[in-house]
Protein backbone atom coordinates (compact mmCIF):
# COMPACT_ATOMS: atom_id res chain seq x y z
CA UNK A 1 67.74 -49.75 -51.21
CA UNK A 2 64.50 -49.87 -49.24
CA UNK A 3 61.41 -47.81 -49.93
CA UNK A 4 57.87 -47.36 -48.64
CA UNK A 5 54.83 -47.45 -50.90
CA UNK A 6 52.00 -45.61 -49.18
CA UNK A 7 48.36 -45.46 -50.29
CA UNK A 8 47.03 -42.41 -48.53
CA UNK A 9 43.84 -41.25 -46.86
CA UNK A 10 43.03 -44.35 -44.82
CA UNK A 11 41.18 -43.98 -41.53
CA UNK A 12 43.12 -45.45 -38.62
CA UNK A 13 41.50 -47.18 -35.67
CA UNK A 14 42.65 -49.67 -33.09
CA UNK A 15 45.75 -49.48 -30.93
CA UNK A 16 49.43 -48.70 -31.51
CA UNK A 17 51.72 -49.65 -28.64
CA UNK A 18 54.86 -47.56 -28.23
CA UNK A 19 58.23 -49.26 -27.85
CA UNK A 20 61.31 -48.34 -25.87
CA UNK A 21 63.04 -45.04 -26.54
CA UNK A 22 65.69 -45.10 -29.26
CA UNK A 23 67.52 -42.12 -27.75
CA UNK A 24 67.65 -43.90 -24.40
CA UNK A 25 68.62 -47.43 -25.40
CA UNK A 26 71.50 -46.25 -27.61
CA UNK A 27 73.09 -44.83 -24.44
CA UNK A 28 72.07 -47.61 -22.06
CA UNK A 29 73.82 -50.32 -24.09
CA UNK A 30 77.23 -48.58 -24.13
CA UNK A 31 76.73 -47.63 -20.45
CA UNK A 32 76.82 -51.33 -19.58
CA UNK A 33 80.54 -51.28 -20.48
CA UNK A 34 81.22 -49.64 -17.12
CA UNK A 35 80.99 -53.05 -15.43
CA UNK A 36 82.31 -56.56 -16.03
CA UNK A 37 79.06 -57.86 -14.54
CA UNK A 38 75.82 -58.95 -16.20
CA UNK A 39 73.25 -56.34 -17.19
CA UNK A 40 69.65 -56.82 -18.30
CA UNK A 41 67.78 -54.14 -20.24
CA UNK A 42 64.01 -54.48 -20.66
CA UNK A 43 61.68 -52.94 -23.26
CA UNK A 44 64.45 -52.79 -25.89
CA UNK A 45 63.04 -51.73 -29.29
CA UNK A 46 63.72 -53.85 -32.37
CA UNK A 47 65.42 -51.15 -34.46
CA UNK A 48 68.52 -51.19 -36.61
CA UNK A 49 70.54 -49.02 -34.19
CA UNK A 50 70.16 -51.71 -31.53
CA UNK A 51 71.41 -54.33 -33.97
CA UNK A 52 74.52 -52.27 -34.70
CA UNK A 53 75.22 -51.72 -31.00
CA UNK A 54 74.88 -55.45 -30.33
CA UNK A 55 77.52 -56.09 -33.00
CA UNK A 56 79.78 -53.48 -31.38
CA UNK A 57 79.37 -55.05 -27.95
CA UNK A 58 80.15 -58.52 -29.31
CA UNK A 59 83.20 -57.08 -31.06
CA UNK A 60 84.36 -55.86 -27.62
CA UNK A 61 83.90 -59.34 -26.13
CA UNK A 62 80.45 -59.16 -24.58
CA UNK A 63 78.07 -62.10 -24.74
CA UNK A 64 74.63 -60.91 -25.83
CA UNK A 65 71.18 -62.44 -25.94
CA UNK A 66 68.18 -60.49 -27.26
CA UNK A 67 64.68 -61.89 -27.29
CA UNK A 68 61.19 -60.69 -26.37
CA UNK A 69 62.43 -57.10 -25.97
CA UNK A 70 64.93 -58.18 -23.29
CA UNK A 71 68.64 -57.61 -23.88
CA UNK A 72 71.06 -59.49 -21.63
CA UNK A 73 74.69 -58.37 -21.63
CA UNK A 74 77.43 -60.46 -20.02
CA UNK A 75 80.63 -58.39 -19.88
CA UNK A 76 82.83 -61.01 -18.23
CA UNK A 77 85.18 -61.02 -21.24
CA UNK A 78 84.80 -57.34 -22.16
CA UNK A 79 87.97 -55.80 -23.57
CA UNK A 80 88.91 -52.34 -24.74
CA UNK A 81 89.61 -52.37 -28.49
CA UNK A 82 89.71 -49.71 -31.21
CA UNK A 83 86.21 -49.23 -32.62
CA UNK A 84 86.52 -48.98 -36.41
CA UNK A 85 84.65 -46.74 -38.84
CA UNK A 86 82.45 -49.61 -40.05
CA UNK A 87 80.69 -49.47 -36.67
CA UNK A 88 81.09 -45.89 -35.49
CA UNK A 89 79.93 -44.34 -38.77
CA UNK A 90 76.56 -46.07 -38.53
CA UNK A 91 75.20 -44.07 -35.62
CA UNK A 92 75.91 -40.92 -33.67
CA UNK A 93 75.51 -42.69 -30.33
CA UNK A 94 78.72 -44.66 -30.88
CA UNK A 95 80.45 -41.80 -29.04
CA UNK A 96 79.05 -43.13 -25.75
CA UNK A 97 81.75 -45.79 -25.89
CA UNK A 98 84.22 -42.95 -25.30
CA UNK A 99 82.65 -42.33 -21.91
CA UNK A 100 82.03 -45.93 -20.86
CA UNK A 101 85.26 -47.56 -22.07
CA UNK A 102 87.23 -44.52 -20.94
CA UNK A 103 85.57 -44.68 -17.55
CA UNK A 104 86.34 -48.36 -16.92
CA UNK A 105 89.62 -48.88 -18.78
CA UNK A 106 90.95 -45.29 -18.78
CA UNK A 107 91.42 -45.76 -22.52
CA UNK A 108 89.17 -45.56 -25.57
CA UNK A 109 89.80 -45.40 -29.30
CA UNK A 110 87.01 -44.75 -31.78
CA UNK A 111 86.53 -43.35 -35.26
CA UNK A 112 84.40 -40.22 -35.65
CA UNK A 113 80.72 -41.01 -34.97
CA UNK A 114 78.20 -40.96 -37.80
CA UNK A 115 74.43 -40.51 -37.82
CA UNK A 116 71.97 -38.36 -39.75
CA UNK A 117 73.30 -35.35 -41.68
CA UNK A 118 71.04 -32.75 -40.10
CA UNK A 119 73.72 -30.10 -39.71
CA UNK A 120 76.96 -29.47 -37.90
CA UNK A 121 77.20 -31.89 -34.99
CA UNK A 122 80.65 -31.33 -33.53
CA UNK A 123 81.78 -33.28 -30.49
CA UNK A 124 83.97 -30.47 -29.13
CA UNK A 125 81.83 -30.19 -25.99
CA UNK A 126 82.49 -33.89 -25.31
CA UNK A 127 86.23 -33.62 -25.95
CA UNK A 128 86.65 -30.51 -23.78
CA UNK A 129 84.77 -32.21 -20.94
CA UNK A 130 86.93 -35.34 -21.20
CA UNK A 131 90.05 -33.20 -20.98
CA UNK A 132 88.79 -31.48 -17.83
CA UNK A 133 88.24 -34.89 -16.25
CA UNK A 134 91.86 -35.87 -16.85
CA UNK A 135 91.94 -37.48 -20.30
CA UNK A 136 94.61 -36.79 -22.85
CA UNK A 137 92.68 -36.69 -26.12
CA UNK A 138 94.38 -37.03 -29.49
CA UNK A 139 92.89 -37.11 -32.97
CA UNK A 140 94.49 -38.56 -36.07
CA UNK A 141 92.84 -39.28 -39.41
CA UNK A 142 89.37 -39.07 -37.88
CA UNK A 143 90.12 -41.39 -34.96
CA UNK A 144 89.97 -40.17 -31.36
CA UNK A 145 92.09 -41.72 -28.63
CA UNK A 146 91.46 -41.08 -24.91
CA UNK A 147 94.06 -41.93 -22.25
CA UNK A 148 94.43 -41.19 -18.57
CA UNK A 149 96.02 -42.56 -15.41
CA UNK A 150 93.38 -41.06 -13.14
CA UNK A 151 89.95 -39.51 -13.58
CA UNK A 152 89.12 -36.65 -11.24
CA UNK A 153 85.78 -35.07 -10.42
CA UNK A 154 85.38 -31.55 -11.79
CA UNK A 155 82.83 -28.80 -12.18
CA UNK A 156 81.86 -28.82 -15.85
CA UNK A 157 79.77 -26.04 -17.40
CA UNK A 158 78.03 -26.45 -20.75
CA UNK A 159 77.42 -23.43 -22.96
CA UNK A 160 74.62 -25.50 -24.51
CA UNK A 161 72.73 -28.27 -22.66
CA UNK A 162 73.89 -31.13 -24.89
CA UNK A 163 72.19 -34.48 -24.30
CA UNK A 164 75.14 -36.51 -25.59
CA UNK A 165 77.75 -34.60 -23.62
CA UNK A 166 75.66 -34.73 -20.43
CA UNK A 167 75.42 -38.52 -20.70
CA UNK A 168 79.10 -38.95 -21.61
CA UNK A 169 80.23 -36.93 -18.59
CA UNK A 170 77.93 -38.97 -16.34
CA UNK A 171 79.52 -42.15 -17.71
CA UNK A 172 83.10 -41.10 -17.04
CA UNK A 173 82.31 -39.39 -13.73
CA UNK A 174 80.77 -42.47 -12.11
CA UNK A 175 84.22 -44.05 -11.61
CA UNK A 176 86.21 -40.82 -11.15
CA UNK A 177 87.78 -39.75 -7.87
CA UNK A 178 85.78 -37.08 -6.08
CA UNK A 179 82.67 -35.21 -7.14
CA UNK A 180 81.63 -34.00 -10.58
CA UNK A 181 79.05 -31.28 -11.12
CA UNK A 182 77.46 -30.76 -14.54
CA UNK A 183 76.11 -27.22 -14.73
CA UNK A 184 73.56 -26.36 -17.43
CA UNK A 185 73.02 -30.07 -18.01
CA UNK A 186 70.43 -31.33 -20.48
CA UNK A 187 67.18 -32.37 -18.81
CA UNK A 188 65.69 -34.89 -21.26
CA UNK A 189 63.88 -37.95 -19.86
CA UNK A 190 66.44 -40.18 -21.57
CA UNK A 191 69.14 -38.73 -19.30
CA UNK A 192 67.09 -39.68 -16.27
CA UNK A 193 66.78 -43.21 -17.65
CA UNK A 194 70.57 -43.52 -18.04
CA UNK A 195 71.13 -42.13 -14.54
CA UNK A 196 68.64 -44.66 -13.17
CA UNK A 197 70.61 -47.49 -14.80
CA UNK A 198 73.94 -46.21 -13.50
CA UNK A 199 72.54 -45.82 -9.97
CA UNK A 200 71.18 -49.37 -10.17
CA UNK A 201 74.76 -50.41 -11.01
CA UNK A 202 76.04 -48.72 -7.86
CA UNK A 203 76.73 -45.17 -9.05
CA UNK A 204 75.85 -42.10 -6.97
CA UNK A 205 74.12 -39.62 -9.27
CA UNK A 206 71.78 -36.90 -8.08
CA UNK A 207 69.79 -34.27 -9.98
CA UNK A 208 69.30 -36.01 -13.33
CA UNK A 209 66.43 -34.23 -15.07
CA UNK A 210 67.50 -30.86 -13.67
CA UNK A 211 70.04 -28.30 -14.90
CA UNK A 212 72.61 -29.41 -12.30
CA UNK A 213 73.68 -33.03 -11.95
CA UNK A 214 76.01 -34.14 -9.14
CA UNK A 215 78.00 -37.36 -9.46
CA UNK A 216 79.97 -38.72 -6.52
CA UNK A 217 82.54 -41.14 -7.90
CA UNK A 218 82.59 -44.75 -6.72
CA UNK A 219 85.32 -47.39 -7.01
CA UNK A 220 83.39 -49.92 -9.10
CA UNK A 221 80.02 -50.77 -10.57
CA UNK A 222 78.17 -54.08 -10.66
CA UNK A 223 75.60 -55.66 -12.95
CA UNK A 224 72.04 -54.34 -12.84
CA UNK A 225 68.69 -54.15 -14.62
CA UNK A 226 66.77 -51.26 -16.12
CA UNK A 227 63.67 -50.71 -18.23
CA UNK A 228 63.85 -48.43 -21.25
CA UNK A 229 61.36 -45.56 -21.04
CA UNK A 230 58.69 -45.21 -23.77
CA UNK A 231 59.86 -43.52 -26.95
CA UNK A 232 58.33 -40.06 -26.81
CA UNK A 233 59.30 -39.34 -30.43
CA UNK A 234 57.65 -42.51 -31.75
CA UNK A 235 54.62 -41.77 -29.59
CA UNK A 236 54.53 -38.17 -30.78
CA UNK A 237 54.77 -39.18 -34.44
CA UNK A 238 51.83 -41.56 -34.16
CA UNK A 239 49.88 -38.96 -32.20
CA UNK A 240 50.40 -36.51 -35.08
CA UNK A 241 49.25 -39.13 -37.59
CA UNK A 242 46.23 -39.90 -35.42
CA UNK A 243 45.32 -36.21 -35.29
CA UNK A 244 44.98 -36.33 -39.09
CA UNK A 245 43.56 -39.82 -39.70
CA UNK A 246 42.47 -41.25 -36.34
CA UNK A 247 39.11 -42.79 -35.64
CA UNK A 248 39.38 -43.46 -31.91
CA UNK A 249 43.03 -44.40 -32.48
CA UNK A 250 44.66 -45.42 -29.21
CA UNK A 251 48.35 -44.67 -28.66
CA UNK A 252 49.33 -46.78 -25.65
CA UNK A 253 52.40 -47.33 -23.51
CA UNK A 254 53.38 -43.67 -23.44
CA UNK A 255 54.34 -41.20 -20.75
CA UNK A 256 52.07 -38.21 -21.30
CA UNK A 257 54.33 -35.92 -19.28
CA UNK A 258 57.15 -36.46 -21.80
CA UNK A 259 54.82 -35.24 -24.57
CA UNK A 260 53.46 -32.14 -22.88
CA UNK A 261 54.77 -29.65 -25.46
CA UNK A 262 53.34 -31.59 -28.41
CA UNK A 263 50.00 -32.21 -26.69
CA UNK A 264 49.76 -28.49 -25.95
CA UNK A 265 50.32 -27.55 -29.60
CA UNK A 266 47.87 -30.14 -30.88
CA UNK A 267 45.22 -28.85 -28.47
CA UNK A 268 45.86 -25.30 -29.69
CA UNK A 269 45.32 -26.53 -33.26
CA UNK A 270 41.97 -28.06 -32.30
CA UNK A 271 42.81 -31.74 -32.11
CA UNK A 272 40.37 -34.00 -30.27
CA UNK A 273 42.13 -36.18 -27.68
CA UNK A 274 41.24 -38.19 -24.61
CA UNK A 275 44.33 -38.27 -22.40
CA UNK A 276 44.69 -41.15 -19.95
CA UNK A 277 47.51 -42.11 -17.60
CA UNK A 278 49.53 -44.13 -20.11
CA UNK A 279 47.54 -43.77 -23.34
CA UNK A 280 45.90 -41.19 -25.57
CA UNK A 281 42.87 -41.73 -27.80
CA UNK A 282 42.97 -39.35 -30.74
CA UNK A 283 40.56 -38.50 -33.55
CA UNK A 284 41.04 -36.61 -36.78
CA UNK A 285 39.68 -33.13 -36.44
CA UNK A 286 38.04 -30.81 -38.93
CA UNK A 287 38.93 -27.13 -39.15
CA UNK A 288 42.41 -27.43 -37.69
CA UNK A 289 43.86 -24.02 -36.83
CA UNK A 290 47.35 -22.75 -37.65
CA UNK A 291 49.83 -22.71 -34.77
CA UNK A 292 53.43 -21.58 -34.47
CA UNK A 293 56.06 -24.17 -33.55
CA UNK A 294 59.57 -23.42 -32.33
CA UNK A 295 61.82 -26.32 -31.41
CA UNK A 296 63.92 -26.18 -28.26
CA UNK A 297 65.72 -28.33 -25.71
CA UNK A 298 63.55 -30.26 -23.25
CA UNK A 299 60.99 -29.44 -21.96
CA UNK A 300 60.47 -27.36 -25.10
CA UNK A 301 59.13 -28.72 -28.38
CA UNK A 302 61.46 -31.56 -29.48
CA UNK A 303 63.58 -31.00 -32.57
CA UNK A 304 62.96 -34.66 -33.44
CA UNK A 305 59.23 -33.96 -33.76
CA UNK A 306 59.63 -30.73 -35.70
CA UNK A 307 59.71 -32.33 -39.14
CA UNK A 308 56.64 -34.58 -38.61
CA UNK A 309 54.86 -31.57 -37.12
CA UNK A 310 55.59 -29.47 -40.22
CA UNK A 311 53.62 -32.01 -42.29
CA UNK A 312 50.74 -31.66 -39.81
CA UNK A 313 50.80 -27.89 -40.22
CA UNK A 314 50.04 -28.21 -43.95
CA UNK A 315 46.55 -29.31 -42.87
CA UNK A 316 45.94 -26.36 -40.55
CA UNK A 317 43.93 -23.42 -41.88
CA UNK A 318 45.94 -20.22 -41.92
CA UNK A 319 49.61 -19.33 -41.64
CA UNK A 320 51.89 -21.26 -39.31
CA UNK A 321 55.48 -20.31 -38.53
CA UNK A 322 57.83 -23.23 -38.01
CA UNK A 323 61.27 -22.49 -36.54
CA UNK A 324 64.11 -24.93 -35.88
CA UNK A 325 66.62 -23.65 -33.32
CA UNK A 326 69.05 -26.54 -32.93
CA UNK A 327 70.14 -28.05 -36.28
CA UNK A 328 70.58 -26.06 -39.48
CA UNK A 329 69.65 -28.87 -41.89
CA UNK A 330 66.31 -29.84 -40.43
CA UNK A 331 64.37 -28.38 -43.37
CA UNK A 332 65.63 -30.59 -46.18
CA UNK A 333 62.25 -32.32 -46.33
CA UNK A 334 60.47 -29.06 -47.24
CA UNK A 335 61.09 -29.29 -51.03
CA UNK A 336 59.51 -32.74 -51.01
CA UNK A 337 56.45 -31.45 -49.15
CA UNK A 338 56.04 -28.67 -51.71
CA UNK A 339 56.36 -31.24 -54.50
CA UNK A 340 53.39 -32.97 -52.90
CA UNK A 341 51.40 -29.73 -53.00
CA UNK A 342 52.21 -28.00 -49.72
CA UNK A 343 52.38 -24.19 -49.68
CA UNK A 344 55.61 -23.49 -47.84
CA UNK A 345 58.17 -20.70 -47.97
CA UNK A 346 61.40 -21.44 -46.14
CA UNK A 347 64.65 -19.64 -45.37
CA UNK A 348 67.51 -20.32 -42.98
CA UNK A 349 65.92 -22.46 -40.26
CA UNK A 350 62.39 -21.06 -40.61
CA UNK A 351 59.37 -21.88 -42.71
CA UNK A 352 55.97 -20.28 -43.23
CA UNK A 353 53.41 -23.00 -43.88
CA UNK A 354 50.07 -21.90 -45.34
CA UNK A 355 47.22 -24.36 -45.10
CA UNK A 356 45.20 -26.24 -45.47
CA UNK A 357 46.26 -27.91 -48.71
CA UNK A 358 45.43 -31.32 -50.11
CA UNK A 359 48.65 -33.23 -50.65
CA UNK A 360 49.18 -35.56 -53.61
CA UNK A 361 51.23 -38.74 -53.72
CA UNK A 362 54.67 -38.32 -55.26
CA UNK A 363 58.10 -39.95 -55.33
CA UNK A 364 60.12 -38.44 -52.48
CA UNK A 365 63.30 -39.19 -50.54
CA UNK A 366 64.05 -39.41 -46.82
CA UNK A 367 67.21 -37.35 -46.25
CA UNK A 368 67.39 -38.27 -42.56
CA UNK A 369 65.44 -40.13 -39.90
CA UNK A 370 62.93 -37.43 -38.92
CA UNK A 371 62.62 -36.12 -42.48
CA UNK A 372 61.51 -39.64 -43.32
CA UNK A 373 58.92 -39.44 -40.55
CA UNK A 374 57.62 -36.17 -42.02
CA UNK A 375 57.23 -37.75 -45.47
CA UNK A 376 55.53 -40.75 -43.88
CA UNK A 377 52.95 -38.40 -42.34
CA UNK A 378 52.54 -36.57 -45.65
CA UNK A 379 52.16 -39.78 -47.63
CA UNK A 380 49.51 -41.09 -45.26
CA UNK A 381 47.29 -38.02 -45.72
CA UNK A 382 47.97 -37.56 -49.45
CA UNK A 383 45.67 -38.58 -52.29
CA UNK A 384 47.12 -41.38 -54.36
CA UNK A 385 50.36 -43.26 -53.90
CA UNK A 386 53.50 -41.90 -52.28
CA UNK A 387 56.85 -43.61 -52.74
CA UNK A 388 59.46 -42.78 -50.08
CA UNK A 389 63.01 -43.78 -51.01
CA UNK A 390 66.03 -44.14 -48.71
CA UNK A 391 63.95 -45.18 -45.73
CA UNK A 392 66.79 -47.01 -44.02
CA UNK A 393 67.02 -43.80 -41.98
CA UNK A 394 63.41 -44.21 -40.87
CA UNK A 395 63.90 -47.82 -39.78
CA UNK A 396 66.66 -46.68 -37.42
CA UNK A 397 64.14 -45.02 -35.15
CA UNK A 398 60.73 -46.66 -35.54
CA UNK A 399 60.17 -50.22 -34.40
CA UNK A 400 58.03 -52.42 -36.70
CA UNK A 401 56.68 -49.27 -38.31
CA UNK A 402 54.88 -50.87 -41.26
CA UNK A 403 53.27 -53.59 -39.14
CA UNK A 404 52.09 -51.16 -36.46
CA UNK A 405 50.46 -48.81 -38.97
CA UNK A 406 48.94 -51.50 -41.19
CA UNK A 407 47.41 -53.17 -38.12
CA UNK A 408 45.32 -50.04 -37.50
CA UNK A 409 44.23 -49.58 -41.12
CA UNK A 410 47.10 -48.05 -43.09
CA UNK A 411 48.13 -49.37 -46.52
CA UNK A 412 51.93 -49.37 -46.55
CA UNK A 413 54.36 -51.74 -48.22
CA UNK A 414 58.07 -52.06 -47.52
CA UNK A 415 60.00 -52.78 -50.72
CA UNK A 416 63.60 -53.97 -50.68
CA UNK A 417 65.23 -53.47 -54.07
């Protein structure tokens, strides 16, 4: 069991460089299974999810090298094999192997995907889309099997713009006969990154980043290269921390356009920032003002930044309303914030946060990845020592977290018991 020991209230100055996007790379790696060629992915973050995906790829026969943030994948000996629970249960993104293996081999078999327990995360939208494309999908004892003789392009409408389902349909549609249209597609930057990779491999995808994506099927794909976009959630988390503790703290290697909703809210709260093309210099601000935050699909406020933002709101004078609209269990960190001294009343997927309050170091527990990020923020601004247990979740999404923060003045220790 790993934990963080945080000594709070340290000014932060210097530079934090943002790594590649977790939510992008976990789709790019499985996407490489659409070709038997060699693929090279640059700016790959050193996070535990990448390590698990490398093991899955090697299990399927790929030859992998990973050094200096460059991942090289040689799929010459790639085979379709059942993906067992020991792999699939480790991360939600394992379901992308349904789309990639199904697209190339017309067959895929995988146990139900895992990931953080942040609420109901059914894959019905994926399964229904696969069926429309021509797959016969069966489920037995938690294992899904996809089979087809021929994939056909279809018009596919989503009731909800799911990121995972949008990517999975793109994966299968690239090698399908005819044209596929995804209507009410998700628009996240990570989807554009995956589409870029697939097009580099020889796919014909248009409209990624809009609500309608058109995929003209091709007969085969070849090896290609792609660069992972900056992680907007990592960048946003450090920007939030900088708004509370920064002393000319520079967050570099970011895409400011991907963080527009967060930047807007921080400005409304009174945060001092200097925004450059690919970096932001942020300073802690006095007299922060309460703001309301409502998560939404892109380009709205990201659900993955909602929990870290709720810790920020405890330092804003007045009453802030925080509302989560996507996952029902995104507020499990709230009791830990109140234990630390926060004044929060929560119900359903809403919370009223009354600030500002001085937080105190306590023993707390990360119930999921972004809850862990929230408690990290809280611990860094609290008086005394905060001990965050169960931080394996946190390490799934933040590359070299302790090193990056300690380099700019934090006092954090990673304990492995």
